[in-house]
């Protein structure tokens, strides 16, 4: 016999309960004049006499459904689908136009967070610059309270922790990607305070995931971007700056392949000539500026000279 051929598409039936349907697209009858579609969950069958799409179900969530299509004229001519299931209804913020309004902290804490999940999320079709597959993306929107915000995905449970996120300006349908990060935390480029921005969260892989998380948006350290570079304060020949921690960054700058925990600073030179620079980064210092904790690696790039801070 010549087997029939079919493709399968999951259709949520969430308006009628925690259940889903399956569209069976019969693309070939094989050498049959009629077929019967059945499944491993219930005794319902669907007769087929012509090419086209036939809907079967509904089936409850988390059930592994196998669709069988058999030749009515030859019992040896049967095809089975792979196991098909739906975990849940797509989340309300499955697409940009349903973006959840995320809380923004007015300080550098994560006292305010916004819960999210990618369970049953579907692709929204918006291009992104990450290497991950946005086949399960969910959307948030926030109003910038600071020129530079720190965005972090915390308390990831129930599935993969390998979550990507992208940040967009504009509005749904006319979004402009500002950046895409494969990390659980990032610092934004310079934003416009009071403007609305969109965050898209999705898993790196292409399989169904069940991850839930909290989204934290807070004030980033001021000098984590070049535009906000701060002047070092010098005292007794020493120039001090604070450590920046917990900020991954895969951007290449000059000779540095990545710039995690970046700190941008300006040094005004008081006297021309050769300058010796010793950089000491440590987990703690005493009141006199002497390192008292554990030494930390520090990479750097120096530019200059410039005639003014604006230059």
Protein backbone atom coordinates (compact mmCIF):
# COMPACT_ATOMS: atom_id res chain seq x y z
CA UNK A 1 0.00 0.00 0.00
CA UNK A 2 0.94 3.66 -0.28
CA UNK A 3 0.71 5.42 3.07
CA UNK A 4 -1.25 8.63 3.49
CA UNK A 5 0.59 11.82 4.57
CA UNK A 6 -0.35 14.43 7.14
CA UNK A 7 0.96 17.37 9.14
CA UNK A 8 -0.20 18.47 12.60
CA UNK A 9 -0.79 21.87 14.23
CA UNK A 10 -1.68 22.51 17.88
CA UNK A 11 -4.56 24.95 18.41
CA UNK A 12 -5.34 26.20 21.92
CA UNK A 13 -8.97 26.02 23.03
CA UNK A 14 -8.44 28.12 26.15
CA UNK A 15 -11.73 29.99 25.71
CA UNK A 16 -13.49 26.74 26.54
CA UNK A 17 -11.22 25.44 29.29
CA UNK A 18 -7.76 23.99 29.94
CA UNK A 19 -7.68 22.08 26.68
CA UNK A 20 -6.34 22.12 23.13
CA UNK A 21 -7.24 20.93 19.63
CA UNK A 22 -5.12 19.46 16.86
CA UNK A 23 -5.52 20.36 13.20
CA UNK A 24 -4.64 17.36 11.02
CA UNK A 25 -3.79 18.45 7.48
CA UNK A 26 -4.18 15.47 5.16
CA UNK A 27 -1.81 16.17 2.27
CA UNK A 28 -2.13 12.75 0.60
CA UNK A 29 -4.63 9.90 0.77
CA UNK A 30 -2.00 7.46 -0.43
CA UNK A 31 -3.78 4.73 -2.39
CA UNK A 32 -6.87 4.86 -0.15
CA UNK A 33 -10.26 6.15 -1.18
CA UNK A 34 -11.09 7.00 2.45
CA UNK A 35 -9.24 7.35 5.76
CA UNK A 36 -10.07 7.39 9.45
CA UNK A 37 -8.40 9.70 11.98
CA UNK A 38 -8.29 8.42 15.56
CA UNK A 39 -6.25 9.11 18.70
CA UNK A 40 -4.92 7.37 21.82
CA UNK A 41 -6.93 9.47 24.31
CA UNK A 42 -10.57 8.82 23.42
CA UNK A 43 -12.66 6.74 21.03
CA UNK A 44 -13.66 9.62 18.76
CA UNK A 45 -12.85 9.25 15.07
CA UNK A 46 -13.01 11.55 12.05
CA UNK A 47 -13.77 10.21 8.53
CA UNK A 48 -11.69 11.54 5.63
CA UNK A 49 -12.62 11.34 1.96
CA UNK A 50 -10.65 14.28 0.53
CA UNK A 51 -7.49 16.28 1.10
CA UNK A 52 -7.79 19.09 3.65
CA UNK A 53 -7.58 19.99 7.34
CA UNK A 54 -9.61 18.07 9.93
CA UNK A 55 -9.81 19.12 13.58
CA UNK A 56 -9.67 16.59 16.41
CA UNK A 57 -10.05 17.01 20.15
CA UNK A 58 -10.30 18.71 22.53
CA UNK A 59 -7.63 17.16 24.73
CA UNK A 60 -6.62 18.18 28.27
CA UNK A 61 -3.31 19.93 28.92
CA UNK A 62 -0.24 17.79 29.62
CA UNK A 63 -1.70 14.78 27.78
CA UNK A 64 0.59 13.08 25.25
CA UNK A 65 -1.64 12.74 22.20
CA UNK A 66 -0.78 10.49 19.25
CA UNK A 67 -2.88 10.89 16.12
CA UNK A 68 -3.39 7.79 13.96
CA UNK A 69 -4.48 8.02 10.33
CA UNK A 70 -5.45 4.68 8.79
CA UNK A 71 -6.40 3.45 5.32
CA UNK A 72 -10.00 2.13 5.38
CA UNK A 73 -9.25 -0.27 2.52
CA UNK A 74 -5.99 -1.72 3.90
CA UNK A 75 -5.36 -2.23 7.63
CA UNK A 76 -1.60 -2.39 6.99
CA UNK A 77 -1.54 1.23 5.77
CA UNK A 78 -1.34 3.37 8.93
CA UNK A 79 0.65 6.46 9.99
CA UNK A 80 1.10 7.87 13.53
CA UNK A 81 2.05 11.35 14.62
CA UNK A 82 4.75 11.98 17.18
CA UNK A 83 3.57 12.68 20.71
CA UNK A 84 1.77 16.06 20.85
CA UNK A 85 0.90 18.04 23.98
CA UNK A 86 0.20 21.56 25.17
CA UNK A 87 1.43 22.63 28.59
CA UNK A 88 -0.96 25.50 29.25
CA UNK A 89 -2.73 28.45 27.71
CA UNK A 90 -0.36 31.04 26.25
CA UNK A 91 0.36 33.81 28.79
CA UNK A 92 -1.50 37.11 28.45
CA UNK A 93 1.73 38.84 27.41
CA UNK A 94 2.47 36.32 24.65
CA UNK A 95 2.64 39.18 22.13
CA UNK A 96 3.81 42.78 22.25
CA UNK A 97 0.29 44.23 22.26
CA UNK A 98 -0.36 42.36 25.53
CA UNK A 99 2.86 43.50 27.21
CA UNK A 100 2.62 43.53 31.01
CA UNK A 101 3.48 46.85 32.65
CA UNK A 102 6.59 46.10 34.72
CA UNK A 103 7.43 47.79 38.01
CA UNK A 104 10.52 50.02 38.06
CA UNK A 105 12.46 50.62 41.26
CA UNK A 106 13.39 54.24 41.94
CA UNK A 107 16.68 53.16 43.51
CA UNK A 108 19.27 50.41 43.08
CA UNK A 109 17.20 47.76 44.91
CA UNK A 110 14.97 44.99 43.62
CA UNK A 111 12.19 45.62 46.12
CA UNK A 112 9.72 45.75 43.22
CA UNK A 113 9.65 42.85 40.75
CA UNK A 114 7.23 41.67 38.08
CA UNK A 115 6.50 37.92 37.75
CA UNK A 116 6.61 36.22 34.37
CA UNK A 117 6.61 32.80 32.70
CA UNK A 118 7.37 31.40 29.26
CA UNK A 119 5.15 28.35 29.76
CA UNK A 120 3.15 27.79 26.52
CA UNK A 121 4.45 31.06 25.05
CA UNK A 122 4.48 31.21 21.24
CA UNK A 123 6.70 33.16 18.81
CA UNK A 124 5.65 36.72 18.08
CA UNK A 125 7.68 37.00 14.87
CA UNK A 126 9.68 40.08 15.87
CA UNK A 127 13.34 39.87 14.73
CA UNK A 128 16.06 39.98 17.39
CA UNK A 129 19.83 40.15 17.55
CA UNK A 130 20.41 37.22 19.92
CA UNK A 131 21.59 33.76 18.96
CA UNK A 132 18.73 32.19 20.92
CA UNK A 133 15.41 31.08 19.44
CA UNK A 134 12.53 33.45 20.38
CA UNK A 135 9.93 30.73 19.86
CA UNK A 136 8.56 31.22 23.40
CA UNK A 137 8.82 34.98 23.94
CA UNK A 138 6.81 37.07 26.41
CA UNK A 139 6.62 40.86 26.59
CA UNK A 140 6.84 43.59 29.23
CA UNK A 141 6.80 47.38 29.02
CA UNK A 142 8.25 49.92 31.44
CA UNK A 143 8.67 53.65 31.82
CA UNK A 144 12.29 54.70 32.28
CA UNK A 145 12.92 56.42 35.61
CA UNK A 146 16.66 56.79 34.96
CA UNK A 147 18.82 57.41 31.94
CA UNK A 148 20.45 54.01 32.48
CA UNK A 149 18.47 51.08 33.88
CA UNK A 150 19.70 47.72 35.09
CA UNK A 151 17.45 44.88 33.91
CA UNK A 152 17.78 41.49 35.58
CA UNK A 153 15.87 38.20 35.37
CA UNK A 154 15.88 36.67 38.85
CA UNK A 155 14.40 33.72 40.76
CA UNK A 156 14.25 31.51 37.66
CA UNK A 157 12.47 28.25 38.51
CA UNK A 158 10.69 25.31 36.87
CA UNK A 159 12.79 24.98 33.73
CA UNK A 160 15.86 26.24 31.91
CA UNK A 161 17.77 29.15 33.41
CA UNK A 162 19.23 30.03 30.00
CA UNK A 163 16.98 32.99 29.24
CA UNK A 164 17.70 35.79 26.76
CA UNK A 165 16.14 39.24 26.74
CA UNK A 166 15.92 42.14 24.30
CA UNK A 167 14.98 45.78 24.82
CA UNK A 168 13.07 47.88 22.28
CA UNK A 169 11.99 51.46 21.81
CA UNK A 170 8.98 52.62 19.82
CA UNK A 171 5.60 50.89 19.86
CA UNK A 172 4.24 47.49 18.90
CA UNK A 173 4.43 47.10 15.14
CA UNK A 174 7.20 49.70 14.79
CA UNK A 175 9.73 48.51 17.38
CA UNK A 176 13.43 49.36 17.21
CA UNK A 177 15.75 46.95 18.98
CA UNK A 178 18.20 48.73 21.28
CA UNK A 179 20.08 45.55 22.15
CA UNK A 180 19.68 41.83 22.84
CA UNK A 181 21.44 40.10 25.74
CA UNK A 182 22.04 36.36 26.24
CA UNK A 183 22.58 37.03 29.96
CA UNK A 184 20.20 37.19 32.91
CA UNK A 185 21.15 40.82 33.53
CA UNK A 186 22.10 43.81 31.42
CA UNK A 187 22.52 47.56 31.53
CA UNK A 188 20.66 49.63 28.98
CA UNK A 189 22.17 52.26 26.73
CA UNK A 190 21.13 55.82 27.50
CA UNK A 191 17.33 56.05 27.67
CA UNK A 192 14.94 59.00 27.72
CA UNK A 193 13.43 59.39 31.19
CA UNK A 194 9.64 59.16 30.96
CA UNK A 195 9.62 57.21 27.68
CA UNK A 196 8.13 53.72 27.38
CA UNK A 197 10.34 50.78 26.41
CA UNK A 198 9.62 47.10 25.78
CA UNK A 199 11.42 44.02 27.14
CA UNK A 200 11.14 40.63 25.45
CA UNK A 201 12.15 37.49 27.41
CA UNK A 202 12.62 34.06 25.83
CA UNK A 203 14.59 30.84 26.24
CA UNK A 204 17.79 30.23 24.30
CA UNK A 205 16.71 26.81 22.96
CA UNK A 206 13.92 25.76 20.63
CA UNK A 207 12.17 23.17 22.83
CA UNK A 208 9.12 23.84 25.01
CA UNK A 209 10.20 25.26 28.38
CA UNK A 210 8.41 25.74 31.70
CA UNK A 211 10.50 28.49 33.27
CA UNK A 212 9.03 31.15 35.55
CA UNK A 213 10.95 34.19 36.77
CA UNK A 214 10.86 37.66 38.30
CA UNK A 215 11.82 40.73 36.28
CA UNK A 216 13.69 43.46 38.15
CA UNK A 217 14.25 46.92 36.67
CA UNK A 218 16.28 49.35 38.74
CA UNK A 219 18.68 52.23 38.58
CA UNK A 220 22.06 51.24 37.17
CA UNK A 221 25.32 52.63 38.56
CA UNK A 222 25.74 55.99 36.87
CA UNK A 223 29.05 55.41 35.13
CA UNK A 224 28.34 52.03 33.56
CA UNK A 225 28.07 53.69 30.12
CA UNK A 226 30.49 56.10 28.45
CA UNK A 227 27.94 58.92 28.24
CA UNK A 228 27.76 58.98 32.05
CA UNK A 229 31.49 58.71 32.74
CA UNK A 230 32.29 60.17 36.16
CA UNK A 231 35.37 62.02 37.32
CA UNK A 232 37.70 60.27 39.71
CA UNK A 233 38.19 62.08 43.00
CA UNK A 234 41.85 62.35 43.88
CA UNK A 235 43.20 62.64 47.40
CA UNK A 236 46.81 62.24 48.44
CA UNK A 237 47.80 61.08 44.98
CA UNK A 238 45.23 58.26 44.93
CA UNK A 239 42.14 58.13 42.74
CA UNK A 240 39.26 56.08 44.07
CA UNK A 241 36.28 54.49 42.34
CA UNK A 242 33.59 52.05 43.45
CA UNK A 243 33.42 48.46 42.25
CA UNK A 244 30.56 47.58 39.92
CA UNK A 245 29.28 44.02 40.39
CA UNK A 246 26.71 41.68 38.92
CA UNK A 247 26.50 43.22 35.44
CA UNK A 248 27.38 40.86 32.57
CA UNK A 249 28.16 42.41 29.21
CA UNK A 250 29.32 40.74 25.98
CA UNK A 251 30.09 43.96 24.09
CA UNK A 252 33.56 44.26 22.60
CA UNK A 253 35.28 47.58 23.28
CA UNK A 254 38.70 48.25 21.76
CA UNK A 255 40.99 45.36 22.81
CA UNK A 256 38.51 43.99 25.36
CA UNK A 257 36.43 41.09 24.07
CA UNK A 258 33.81 41.68 26.77
CA UNK A 259 33.22 44.39 29.36
CA UNK A 260 31.44 42.83 32.36
CA UNK A 261 30.98 45.15 35.37
CA UNK A 262 32.02 48.21 33.35
CA UNK A 263 33.04 51.49 34.94
CA UNK A 264 33.70 54.58 32.81
CA UNK A 265 35.73 57.38 34.36
CA UNK A 266 37.43 60.63 33.47
CA UNK A 267 40.83 61.66 34.85
CA UNK A 268 41.87 65.29 34.56
CA UNK A 269 45.65 65.61 34.37
CA UNK A 270 47.18 68.48 36.30
CA UNK A 271 50.74 68.31 35.02
CA UNK A 272 52.10 67.20 31.64
CA UNK A 273 54.59 64.37 31.34
CA UNK A 274 54.83 60.60 31.82
CA UNK A 275 52.26 59.13 34.19
CA UNK A 276 52.54 55.84 36.08
CA UNK A 277 49.17 54.20 36.70
CA UNK A 278 48.69 51.39 39.21
CA UNK A 279 45.22 49.83 39.28
CA UNK A 280 44.22 47.88 42.37
CA UNK A 281 40.77 46.33 42.52
CA UNK A 282 39.80 44.62 45.74
CA UNK A 283 36.74 43.40 47.59
CA UNK A 284 37.37 45.94 50.39
CA UNK A 285 39.60 48.86 51.40
CA UNK A 286 40.32 50.59 54.69
CA UNK A 287 39.74 54.30 55.32
CA UNK A 288 43.20 55.11 53.96
CA UNK A 289 42.53 53.35 50.67
CA UNK A 290 44.66 50.28 51.40
CA UNK A 291 43.26 46.98 50.06
CA UNK A 292 42.14 44.69 52.88
CA UNK A 293 40.11 42.03 51.04
CA UNK A 294 40.55 39.75 48.07
CA UNK A 295 42.25 41.01 44.93
CA UNK A 296 40.12 41.19 41.77
CA UNK A 297 41.10 41.10 38.12
CA UNK A 298 40.73 44.38 36.25
CA UNK A 299 41.07 44.98 32.50
CA UNK A 300 41.16 48.47 31.07
CA UNK A 301 41.33 50.74 28.04
CA UNK A 302 42.60 54.31 28.17
CA UNK A 303 41.76 56.99 25.60
CA UNK A 304 43.09 60.52 25.27
CA UNK A 305 44.21 63.16 25.61
CA UNK A 306 41.15 65.36 25.20
CA UNK A 307 40.93 69.11 25.64
CA UNK A 308 37.59 68.98 27.45
CA UNK A 309 35.17 66.57 29.08
CA UNK A 310 32.75 67.08 26.18
CA UNK A 311 35.42 66.02 23.67
